[in-house]
């Protein structure tokens, strides 16, 4: 049975699913019809964070140009330029048992590429979600639908996988940011430029 989460809800992942070692995190979205001439390009990015809430090293920022991180434990599917179609727009494979011990949390984010130049924001995005799937059985374990809570934000921290002792849990975050990917990178300790 799929657990449907509310914003801010934290739920156990591995304790209630014994033997779970590999998950696929799917992220999806639709764009609202609007008068702009620019197409939307939303991007999923992943940050592997230490206890400090910052990356341990610059390669702990995983995205379409750096698709594998965490010593191979986290793998991004690649960039979906349109978001067209049903289901997941971008996916991330996570081998939970192989995540380096210095990674306390895995943050999943979505940003709008060139949002400022294209005059776009998450108020123009609908049906955004994150879901966690058992990779071995292709069974959806949990899902968080973000709702329509955003207006001017250009980046969203959608959810987090985090360690709790020897177990993994999931946090439905749904926090919006202005400043796009750059603002997230600064907050998570990525050196820009």
C-alpha atoms as a PDB file:
ATOM      1  CA  UNK A   1       0.000   0.000   0.000  1.00  0.00           C
ATOM      2  CA  UNK A   2       1.304   3.438  -0.971  1.00  0.00           C
ATOM      3  CA  UNK A   3       1.760   5.916   1.864  1.00  0.00           C
ATOM      4  CA  UNK A   4       0.505   9.347   0.777  1.00  0.00           C
ATOM      5  CA  UNK A   5       2.426  12.039   2.644  1.00  0.00           C
ATOM      6  CA  UNK A   6       1.616  15.544   3.800  1.00  0.00           C
ATOM      7  CA  UNK A   7       4.103  18.426   3.784  1.00  0.00           C
ATOM      8  CA  UNK A   8       6.503  18.084   6.729  1.00  0.00           C
ATOM      9  CA  UNK A   9       5.603  14.457   7.390  1.00  0.00           C
ATOM     10  CA  UNK A  10       8.459  12.094   8.228  1.00  0.00           C
ATOM     11  CA  UNK A  11       8.021   8.385   7.663  1.00  0.00           C
ATOM     12  CA  UNK A  12      10.140   5.296   8.111  1.00  0.00           C
ATOM     13  CA  UNK A  13      11.379   3.691   4.915  1.00  0.00           C
ATOM     14  CA  UNK A  14      13.590   0.693   5.699  1.00  0.00           C
ATOM     15  CA  UNK A  15      12.170  -0.323   9.081  1.00  0.00           C
ATOM     16  CA  UNK A  16       8.695  -0.902   7.650  1.00  0.00           C
ATOM     17  CA  UNK A  17      10.147  -2.466   4.478  1.00  0.00           C
ATOM     18  CA  UNK A  18      12.685  -5.030   5.760  1.00  0.00           C
ATOM     19  CA  UNK A  19      15.313  -5.989   3.206  1.00  0.00           C
ATOM     20  CA  UNK A  20      14.820  -2.807   1.175  1.00  0.00           C
ATOM     21  CA  UNK A  21      18.200  -1.883  -0.279  1.00  0.00           C
ATOM     22  CA  UNK A  22      17.558  -0.224  -3.636  1.00  0.00           C
ATOM     23  CA  UNK A  23      15.022   2.489  -4.344  1.00  0.00           C
ATOM     24  CA  UNK A  24      14.118   4.652  -7.282  1.00  0.00           C
ATOM     25  CA  UNK A  25      13.037   8.181  -6.440  1.00  0.00           C
ATOM     26  CA  UNK A  26      10.768   9.543  -9.153  1.00  0.00           C
ATOM     27  CA  UNK A  27      10.051  13.235  -9.613  1.00  0.00           C
ATOM     28  CA  UNK A  28       7.355  14.582 -11.878  1.00  0.00           C
ATOM     29  CA  UNK A  29       5.570  17.793 -12.814  1.00  0.00           C
ATOM     30  CA  UNK A  30       3.366  19.490 -15.378  1.00  0.00           C
ATOM     31  CA  UNK A  31       3.457  23.086 -16.516  1.00  0.00           C
ATOM     32  CA  UNK A  32       0.333  25.202 -16.606  1.00  0.00           C
ATOM     33  CA  UNK A  33      -0.751  26.712 -19.881  1.00  0.00           C
ATOM     34  CA  UNK A  34       0.405  30.319 -19.965  1.00  0.00           C
ATOM     35  CA  UNK A  35       1.102  33.068 -22.501  1.00  0.00           C
ATOM     36  CA  UNK A  36       4.896  32.906 -22.359  1.00  0.00           C
ATOM     37  CA  UNK A  37       6.831  32.030 -25.481  1.00  0.00           C
ATOM     38  CA  UNK A  38       9.572  30.132 -23.643  1.00  0.00           C
ATOM     39  CA  UNK A  39       9.349  26.411 -22.968  1.00  0.00           C
ATOM     40  CA  UNK A  40       9.873  25.080 -19.446  1.00  0.00           C
ATOM     41  CA  UNK A  41      12.891  22.988 -18.489  1.00  0.00           C
ATOM     42  CA  UNK A  42      12.702  21.701 -14.930  1.00  0.00           C
ATOM     43  CA  UNK A  43      15.691  19.867 -13.506  1.00  0.00           C
ATOM     44  CA  UNK A  44      16.062  17.462 -10.603  1.00  0.00           C
ATOM     45  CA  UNK A  45      19.245  17.862  -8.564  1.00  0.00           C
ATOM     46  CA  UNK A  46      20.439  15.838  -5.601  1.00  0.00           C
ATOM     47  CA  UNK A  47      22.642  16.969  -2.730  1.00  0.00           C
ATOM     48  CA  UNK A  48      24.443  14.430  -0.522  1.00  0.00           C
ATOM     49  CA  UNK A  49      24.731  16.147   2.836  1.00  0.00           C
ATOM     50  CA  UNK A  50      26.804  15.498   5.936  1.00  0.00           C
ATOM     51  CA  UNK A  51      25.667  16.043   9.534  1.00  0.00           C
ATOM     52  CA  UNK A  52      26.285  19.787   9.047  1.00  0.00           C
ATOM     53  CA  UNK A  53      23.605  20.022   6.355  1.00  0.00           C
ATOM     54  CA  UNK A  54      26.309  20.847   3.793  1.00  0.00           C
ATOM     55  CA  UNK A  55      27.993  18.717   1.139  1.00  0.00           C
ATOM     56  CA  UNK A  56      31.181  16.955   2.231  1.00  0.00           C
ATOM     57  CA  UNK A  57      32.757  17.587  -1.187  1.00  0.00           C
ATOM     58  CA  UNK A  58      31.784  19.355  -4.406  1.00  0.00           C
ATOM     59  CA  UNK A  59      31.036  16.055  -6.190  1.00  0.00           C
ATOM     60  CA  UNK A  60      28.178  15.482  -3.700  1.00  0.00           C
ATOM     61  CA  UNK A  61      26.056  17.664  -6.006  1.00  0.00           C
ATOM     62  CA  UNK A  62      24.401  15.284  -8.488  1.00  0.00           C
ATOM     63  CA  UNK A  63      22.584  16.517 -11.596  1.00  0.00           C
ATOM     64  CA  UNK A  64      22.404  15.830 -15.343  1.00  0.00           C
ATOM     65  CA  UNK A  65      26.070  16.884 -15.898  1.00  0.00           C
ATOM     66  CA  UNK A  66      27.312  14.909 -12.853  1.00  0.00           C
ATOM     67  CA  UNK A  67      24.872  11.979 -12.838  1.00  0.00           C
ATOM     68  CA  UNK A  68      26.633   9.607 -10.430  1.00  0.00           C
ATOM     69  CA  UNK A  69      27.745  10.317  -6.860  1.00  0.00           C
ATOM     70  CA  UNK A  70      28.205   8.830  -3.438  1.00  0.00           C
ATOM     71  CA  UNK A  71      30.767   6.321  -4.707  1.00  0.00           C
ATOM     72  CA  UNK A  72      28.195   5.095  -7.254  1.00  0.00           C
ATOM     73  CA  UNK A  73      25.337   4.747  -4.750  1.00  0.00           C
ATOM     74  CA  UNK A  74      23.245   7.558  -6.293  1.00  0.00           C
ATOM     75  CA  UNK A  75      22.527   7.779 -10.026  1.00  0.00           C
ATOM     76  CA  UNK A  76      20.502  10.464 -11.840  1.00  0.00           C
ATOM     77  CA  UNK A  77      18.569   9.314 -14.953  1.00  0.00           C
ATOM     78  CA  UNK A  78      19.450  12.372 -17.027  1.00  0.00           C
ATOM     79  CA  UNK A  79      17.766  15.570 -18.117  1.00  0.00           C
ATOM     80  CA  UNK A  80      14.161  15.577 -19.342  1.00  0.00           C
ATOM     81  CA  UNK A  81      13.904  18.829 -21.272  1.00  0.00           C
ATOM     82  CA  UNK A  82      10.112  19.019 -21.562  1.00  0.00           C
ATOM     83  CA  UNK A  83       8.330  17.217 -18.713  1.00  0.00           C
ATOM     84  CA  UNK A  84       5.817  15.954 -21.263  1.00  0.00           C
ATOM     85  CA  UNK A  85       3.930  12.730 -20.701  1.00  0.00           C
ATOM     86  CA  UNK A  86       2.649  10.840 -17.703  1.00  0.00           C
ATOM     87  CA  UNK A  87       4.604   9.510 -14.743  1.00  0.00           C
ATOM     88  CA  UNK A  88       8.111  10.340 -13.607  1.00  0.00           C
ATOM     89  CA  UNK A  89       9.927  13.058 -15.513  1.00  0.00           C
ATOM     90  CA  UNK A  90      13.305  12.328 -13.928  1.00  0.00           C
ATOM     91  CA  UNK A  91      14.404   9.481 -11.675  1.00  0.00           C
ATOM     92  CA  UNK A  92      17.228   8.805  -9.240  1.00  0.00           C
ATOM     93  CA  UNK A  93      18.453   5.340  -8.286  1.00  0.00           C
ATOM     94  CA  UNK A  94      19.715   5.003  -4.713  1.00  0.00           C
ATOM     95  CA  UNK A  95      21.535   1.937  -3.368  1.00  0.00           C
ATOM     96  CA  UNK A  96      20.862   2.624   0.324  1.00  0.00           C
ATOM     97  CA  UNK A  97      23.463   0.164   1.666  1.00  0.00           C
ATOM     98  CA  UNK A  98      26.192   1.743  -0.488  1.00  0.00           C
ATOM     99  CA  UNK A  99      25.638   5.387   0.486  1.00  0.00           C
ATOM    100  CA  UNK A 100      28.904   6.546   2.114  1.00  0.00           C
ATOM    101  CA  UNK A 101      28.771   6.688   5.916  1.00  0.00           C
ATOM    102  CA  UNK A 102      29.552  10.434   5.926  1.00  0.00           C
ATOM    103  CA  UNK A 103      26.270  11.133   4.078  1.00  0.00           C
ATOM    104  CA  UNK A 104      23.516  11.758   6.626  1.00  0.00           C
ATOM    105  CA  UNK A 105      20.871  13.068   4.238  1.00  0.00           C
ATOM    106  CA  UNK A 106      20.044  13.010   0.531  1.00  0.00           C
ATOM    107  CA  UNK A 107      18.087  16.097  -0.567  1.00  0.00           C
ATOM    108  CA  UNK A 108      16.007  15.934  -3.756  1.00  0.00           C
ATOM    109  CA  UNK A 109      15.348  19.294  -5.397  1.00  0.00           C
ATOM    110  CA  UNK A 110      13.707  20.617  -8.554  1.00  0.00           C
ATOM    111  CA  UNK A 111      14.676  23.904 -10.193  1.00  0.00           C
ATOM    112  CA  UNK A 112      13.536  25.801 -13.270  1.00  0.00           C
ATOM    113  CA  UNK A 113      16.365  26.243 -15.784  1.00  0.00           C
ATOM    114  CA  UNK A 114      16.891  29.921 -16.706  1.00  0.00           C
ATOM    115  CA  UNK A 115      13.812  30.845 -14.651  1.00  0.00           C
ATOM    116  CA  UNK A 116      14.711  34.527 -14.312  1.00  0.00           C
ATOM    117  CA  UNK A 117      15.535  35.020 -17.988  1.00  0.00           C
ATOM    118  CA  UNK A 118      12.376  33.171 -19.017  1.00  0.00           C
ATOM    119  CA  UNK A 119      10.227  34.906 -16.355  1.00  0.00           C
ATOM    120  CA  UNK A 120       9.068  31.539 -14.970  1.00  0.00           C
ATOM    121  CA  UNK A 121       8.337  30.280 -11.453  1.00  0.00           C
ATOM    122  CA  UNK A 122       6.732  27.377  -9.622  1.00  0.00           C
ATOM    123  CA  UNK A 123       3.387  29.171  -9.629  1.00  0.00           C
ATOM    124  CA  UNK A 124       3.292  28.022 -13.274  1.00  0.00           C
ATOM    125  CA  UNK A 125       3.930  24.375 -12.337  1.00  0.00           C
ATOM    126  CA  UNK A 126       1.252  21.897 -11.277  1.00  0.00           C
ATOM    127  CA  UNK A 127       0.955  18.243 -10.294  1.00  0.00           C
ATOM    128  CA  UNK A 128       4.512  18.154  -8.912  1.00  0.00           C
ATOM    129  CA  UNK A 129       5.341  15.040  -6.919  1.00  0.00           C
ATOM    130  CA  UNK A 130       8.070  12.853  -5.521  1.00  0.00           C
ATOM    131  CA  UNK A 131       7.656   9.134  -5.017  1.00  0.00           C
ATOM    132  CA  UNK A 132       9.823   6.352  -3.645  1.00  0.00           C
ATOM    133  CA  UNK A 133       9.694   2.976  -5.390  1.00  0.00           C
ATOM    134  CA  UNK A 134      11.195  -0.360  -4.333  1.00  0.00           C
ATOM    135  CA  UNK A 135      13.570  -1.008  -7.257  1.00  0.00           C
ATOM    136  CA  UNK A 136      13.412  -4.804  -6.956  1.00  0.00           C
ATOM    137  CA  UNK A 137       9.604  -5.116  -7.093  1.00  0.00           C
ATOM    138  CA  UNK A 138       8.751  -1.805  -8.827  1.00  0.00           C
ATOM    139  CA  UNK A 139       6.269  -1.191  -5.977  1.00  0.00           C
ATOM    140  CA  UNK A 140       5.525   2.420  -5.066  1.00  0.00           C
ATOM    141  CA  UNK A 141       6.112   2.786  -1.314  1.00  0.00           C
ATOM    142  CA  UNK A 142       5.342   6.443  -0.710  1.00  0.00           C
ATOM    143  CA  UNK A 143       4.304   9.548  -2.566  1.00  0.00           C
ATOM    144  CA  UNK A 144       4.226  13.251  -1.768  1.00  0.00           C
ATOM    145  CA  UNK A 145       2.120  15.517  -4.001  1.00  0.00           C
ATOM    146  CA  UNK A 146       3.311  19.082  -3.555  1.00  0.00           C
ATOM    147  CA  UNK A 147       0.057  20.881  -4.270  1.00  0.00           C
ATOM    148  CA  UNK A 148      -0.162  24.456  -5.511  1.00  0.00           C
ATOM    149  CA  UNK A 149       1.622  26.203  -2.643  1.00  0.00           C
ATOM    150  CA  UNK A 150       4.108  28.158  -4.735  1.00  0.00           C
ATOM    151  CA  UNK A 151       4.032  31.472  -6.560  1.00  0.00           C
ATOM    152  CA  UNK A 152       7.376  33.242  -7.102  1.00  0.00           C
ATOM    153  CA  UNK A 153       9.749  30.387  -6.143  1.00  0.00           C
ATOM    154  CA  UNK A 154      12.200  29.073  -8.747  1.00  0.00           C
ATOM    155  CA  UNK A 155      13.518  26.089  -6.756  1.00  0.00           C
ATOM    156  CA  UNK A 156      11.907  23.547  -4.437  1.00  0.00           C
ATOM    157  CA  UNK A 157      13.408  21.097  -1.965  1.00  0.00           C
ATOM    158  CA  UNK A 158      10.906  18.321  -2.606  1.00  0.00           C
ATOM    159  CA  UNK A 159      11.988  15.650  -0.131  1.00  0.00           C
ATOM    160  CA  UNK A 160      14.858  14.042   1.750  1.00  0.00           C
ATOM    161  CA  UNK A 161      16.046  10.542   2.522  1.00  0.00           C
ATOM    162  CA  UNK A 162      17.897  10.619   5.830  1.00  0.00           C
ATOM    163  CA  UNK A 163      19.579   8.249   8.233  1.00  0.00           C
ATOM    164  CA  UNK A 164      18.020   7.537  11.613  1.00  0.00           C
ATOM    165  CA  UNK A 165      20.416   5.212  13.381  1.00  0.00           C
ATOM    166  CA  UNK A 166      20.815   2.246  11.049  1.00  0.00           C
ATOM    167  CA  UNK A 167      17.527   2.896   9.242  1.00  0.00           C
ATOM    168  CA  UNK A 168      16.507   5.265   6.439  1.00  0.00           C
ATOM    169  CA  UNK A 169      13.533   7.606   6.691  1.00  0.00           C
ATOM    170  CA  UNK A 170      11.853   9.997   4.249  1.00  0.00           C
ATOM    171  CA  UNK A 171      10.891  13.617   4.920  1.00  0.00           C
ATOM    172  CA  UNK A 172       8.279  15.316   2.694  1.00  0.00           C
ATOM    173  CA  UNK A 173       9.812  18.810   2.670  1.00  0.00           C
ATOM    174  CA  UNK A 174       8.084  20.898  -0.031  1.00  0.00           C
ATOM    175  CA  UNK A 175      10.084  24.079   0.727  1.00  0.00           C
ATOM    176  CA  UNK A 176      10.316  26.745  -1.976  1.00  0.00           C
ATOM    177  CA  UNK A 177      13.295  29.018  -2.677  1.00  0.00           C
ATOM    178  CA  UNK A 178      13.813  32.156  -4.681  1.00  0.00           C
ATOM    179  CA  UNK A 179      17.128  32.357  -6.510  1.00  0.00           C
ATOM    180  CA  UNK A 180      16.893  28.988  -8.234  1.00  0.00           C
ATOM    181  CA  UNK A 181      19.658  26.434  -8.276  1.00  0.00           C
ATOM    182  CA  UNK A 182      22.275  28.990  -7.267  1.00  0.00           C
ATOM    183  CA  UNK A 183      20.489  29.671  -3.969  1.00  0.00           C
ATOM    184  CA  UNK A 184      20.282  25.947  -3.219  1.00  0.00           C
ATOM    185  CA  UNK A 185      23.959  25.433  -4.047  1.00  0.00           C
ATOM    186  CA  UNK A 186      24.990  28.253  -1.711  1.00  0.00           C
ATOM    187  CA  UNK A 187      22.818  26.885   1.121  1.00  0.00           C
ATOM    188  CA  UNK A 188      24.230  23.398   0.681  1.00  0.00           C
ATOM    189  CA  UNK A 189      27.875  24.506   0.553  1.00  0.00           C
ATOM    190  CA  UNK A 190      28.651  24.192  -3.164  1.00  0.00           C
ATOM    191  CA  UNK A 191      31.387  26.552  -4.385  1.00  0.00           C
ATOM    192  CA  UNK A 192      30.102  28.368  -7.474  1.00  0.00           C
ATOM    193  CA  UNK A 193      32.188  29.844 -10.272  1.00  0.00           C
END
